[in-house]
Protein backbone atom coordinates (compact mmCIF):
# COMPACT_ATOMS: atom_id res chain seq x y z
CA MET A 1 87.74 122.01 195.51
CA LYS A 2 89.91 123.62 198.16
CA ASN A 3 92.14 120.46 198.50
CA LYS A 4 92.58 120.26 194.72
CA LEU A 5 93.65 124.01 194.54
CA THR A 6 96.03 123.48 197.45
CA THR A 7 97.57 120.35 195.83
CA ILE A 8 98.11 122.43 192.51
CA MET A 9 99.72 125.30 194.44
CA ALA A 10 101.97 122.90 196.26
CA VAL A 11 102.92 121.21 193.10
CA LEU A 12 103.62 124.49 191.31
CA THR A 13 105.67 125.77 194.23
CA VAL A 14 107.84 122.64 194.41
CA ALA A 15 108.33 122.78 190.70
CA GLY A 16 109.25 126.34 190.75
CA LEU A 17 111.79 125.72 193.44
CA MET A 18 113.33 122.80 191.60
CA ALA A 19 113.66 124.74 188.46
CA ALA A 20 115.19 127.88 190.36
CA GLY A 21 118.31 125.99 191.20
CA PRO A 22 119.67 125.42 187.68
CA VAL A 23 119.03 128.97 186.75
CA ALA A 24 120.97 130.23 189.68
CA TYR A 25 123.88 127.97 188.67
CA ALA A 26 123.58 128.77 184.91
CA GLU A 27 123.86 132.66 185.83
CA TYR A 28 126.97 132.15 187.99
CA GLU A 29 130.12 132.42 186.14
CA GLY A 30 132.64 132.72 189.07
CA ASP A 31 134.46 135.72 190.44
CA ASN A 32 137.70 135.16 188.60
CA PRO A 33 137.92 136.00 184.91
CA GLU A 34 140.47 133.30 184.35
CA GLY A 35 138.33 130.36 185.03
CA GLY A 36 134.98 130.55 186.78
CA LYS A 37 134.10 128.85 190.19
CA GLY A 38 137.01 126.49 190.68
CA TYR A 39 139.46 129.40 190.15
CA LYS A 40 138.14 132.03 192.64
CA HIS A 41 140.66 133.05 195.30
CA GLY A 42 143.49 131.22 193.57
CA GLU A 43 142.14 127.73 194.53
CA GLY A 44 142.66 126.40 191.01
CA LYS A 45 146.21 127.76 190.79
CA GLU A 46 147.19 126.01 193.91
CA PHE A 47 145.44 122.85 192.86
CA MET A 48 147.44 122.62 189.61
CA LYS A 49 150.73 124.03 191.00
CA GLU A 50 151.07 120.88 193.20
CA LEU A 51 151.03 118.63 189.81
CA ASN A 52 154.42 120.05 188.67
CA LEU A 53 153.16 120.75 185.11
CA THR A 54 155.58 121.33 182.25
CA PRO A 55 155.18 124.67 180.39
CA GLU A 56 153.76 122.76 177.41
CA GLN A 57 151.05 121.02 179.79
CA LYS A 58 150.12 124.46 181.25
CA GLU A 59 149.74 125.95 177.78
CA LYS A 60 147.56 122.98 176.50
CA LEU A 61 145.44 123.16 179.75
CA LYS A 62 145.00 126.78 179.43
CA VAL A 63 143.69 126.41 175.67
CA GLN A 64 141.52 123.66 176.82
CA ARG A 65 140.00 125.65 179.67
CA GLU A 66 139.41 128.71 177.61
CA ALA A 67 137.70 126.72 174.78
CA LYS A 68 135.69 125.03 177.53
CA LYS A 69 134.64 128.15 179.03
CA GLU A 70 133.48 129.78 175.73
CA ASN A 71 131.58 126.69 174.82
CA ASN A 72 129.96 126.19 178.24
CA LYS A 73 128.93 129.88 178.16
CA ALA A 74 126.56 129.26 175.08
CA VAL A 75 125.11 126.20 176.59
CA ARG A 76 124.45 127.95 180.03
CA GLU A 77 122.82 130.86 178.09
CA GLN A 78 120.41 128.33 176.35
CA LEU A 79 119.61 126.71 179.52
CA LYS A 80 118.84 130.07 181.26
CA VAL A 81 116.47 130.95 178.34
CA LYS A 82 114.75 127.59 178.55
CA MET A 83 114.50 127.63 182.32
CA GLN A 84 112.98 131.18 182.15
CA ALA A 85 110.31 130.00 179.46
CA LEU A 86 109.70 126.92 181.72
CA HIS A 87 108.96 129.45 184.81
CA GLU A 88 106.74 131.56 182.75
CA THR A 89 104.64 128.55 181.46
CA ILE A 90 104.30 127.09 184.76
CA ALA A 91 103.25 130.31 186.25
CA LYS A 92 100.24 130.58 183.85
CA PRO A 93 97.10 129.37 185.85
CA ASP A 94 95.85 127.10 183.01
CA THR A 95 99.21 125.30 182.42
CA THR A 96 99.20 121.46 182.33
CA ARG A 97 102.02 119.09 182.62
CA ALA A 98 101.64 118.34 178.96
CA ASP A 99 102.12 122.12 178.20
CA VAL A 100 105.69 122.00 179.88
CA ASN A 101 106.90 118.46 178.86
CA GLY A 102 108.65 119.90 175.66
CA LEU A 103 110.59 122.47 177.81
CA VAL A 104 111.45 119.95 180.46
CA SER A 105 112.86 117.58 177.68
CA GLU A 106 114.97 120.57 176.27
CA VAL A 107 116.17 121.56 179.80
CA ASN A 108 117.27 117.88 180.46
CA ALA A 109 118.86 117.64 177.05
CA LEU A 110 120.92 120.79 177.81
CA LYS A 111 121.97 119.47 181.23
CA GLY A 112 122.92 116.26 179.68
CA GLN A 113 124.91 118.03 177.01
CA MET A 114 126.79 119.91 179.90
CA PHE A 115 127.53 116.82 181.71
CA SER A 116 128.86 115.03 178.65
CA LYS A 117 131.18 118.12 177.97
CA LYS A 118 132.30 117.71 181.48
CA ILE A 119 133.25 114.16 180.90
CA ASP A 120 134.96 115.13 177.76
CA GLY A 121 137.08 117.67 179.55
CA VAL A 122 138.23 115.00 182.09
CA PHE A 123 139.29 112.74 179.29
CA ALA A 124 141.00 115.65 177.45
CA MET A 125 142.87 116.37 180.74
CA LYS A 126 143.87 112.66 180.95
CA GLU A 127 145.50 112.92 177.37
CA ILE A 128 147.67 115.98 178.58
CA LEU A 129 148.67 114.92 182.13
CA THR A 130 151.00 111.82 182.95
CA PRO A 131 149.25 108.90 184.71
CA GLU A 132 150.94 110.09 187.84
CA GLN A 133 149.74 113.69 187.54
CA PHE A 134 146.18 112.42 186.81
CA ALA A 135 146.10 110.25 189.77
CA LYS A 136 147.36 113.05 192.12
CA MET A 137 144.82 115.39 190.50
CA GLN A 138 142.13 112.80 191.33
CA GLU A 139 143.27 112.61 194.90
CA GLN A 140 143.35 116.43 195.21
CA ARG A 141 139.86 116.63 193.82
CA LYS A 142 138.66 113.95 196.13
CA GLY A 143 139.97 115.77 199.18
CA TRP A 144 138.67 119.09 197.87
CA MET A 145 135.15 117.66 197.49
CA GLU A 146 135.17 116.08 200.89
CA LYS A 147 136.23 119.47 202.45
CA LYS A 148 133.62 121.27 200.36
CA HIS A 149 130.75 119.03 201.37
CA ARG A 150 131.86 118.42 204.87
CA GLY A 151 128.98 118.90 207.43
CA TRP A 152 126.28 119.23 204.76
CA GLY A 153 122.98 118.15 206.30
CA LYS A 154 124.73 117.00 209.54
CA LYS A 155 123.61 119.02 212.41
CA ASP A 156 125.94 118.93 215.50
CA GLN A 157 126.08 115.18 215.82
CA GLY A 158 128.65 115.33 218.59
CA PRO A 159 131.44 112.84 218.94
CA LYS A 160 130.97 109.35 217.61
CA GLN A 161 129.94 106.75 220.34
CA ASP A 162 130.97 103.13 220.17
């Protein structure tokens, strides 16, 4: 009986921790009113400045970014509500997996919707930028992501040895 209770508590703890990440992400809207996470501290402006955009491209991208921001806000709010409901349901002592399956499906659908919109945004940018600008943006993004994730999970491994 004690082992079963310990197992249930461990599963609920892991499920709670897994569910907490997306809630924290959904609540974060960035420090800069112009454009969320990627635009804090002027990073996005520098990122785009190097592309040598025309005034028309800048305006189109601004309109696209504002529409995306507004649309994503609604989906993030829905995700936040569903995640909160999931947490509350899991916290009940008599909750079974079957009790949360519907909420899990709804959360996954919202996350899938957010991912799909992200891909739509990439293709919308591809229509605005020249092929050269898009290629340069992809290179910049690759470098930024490498810099952002450098060292994650790597404890002082020291110099490479051949």
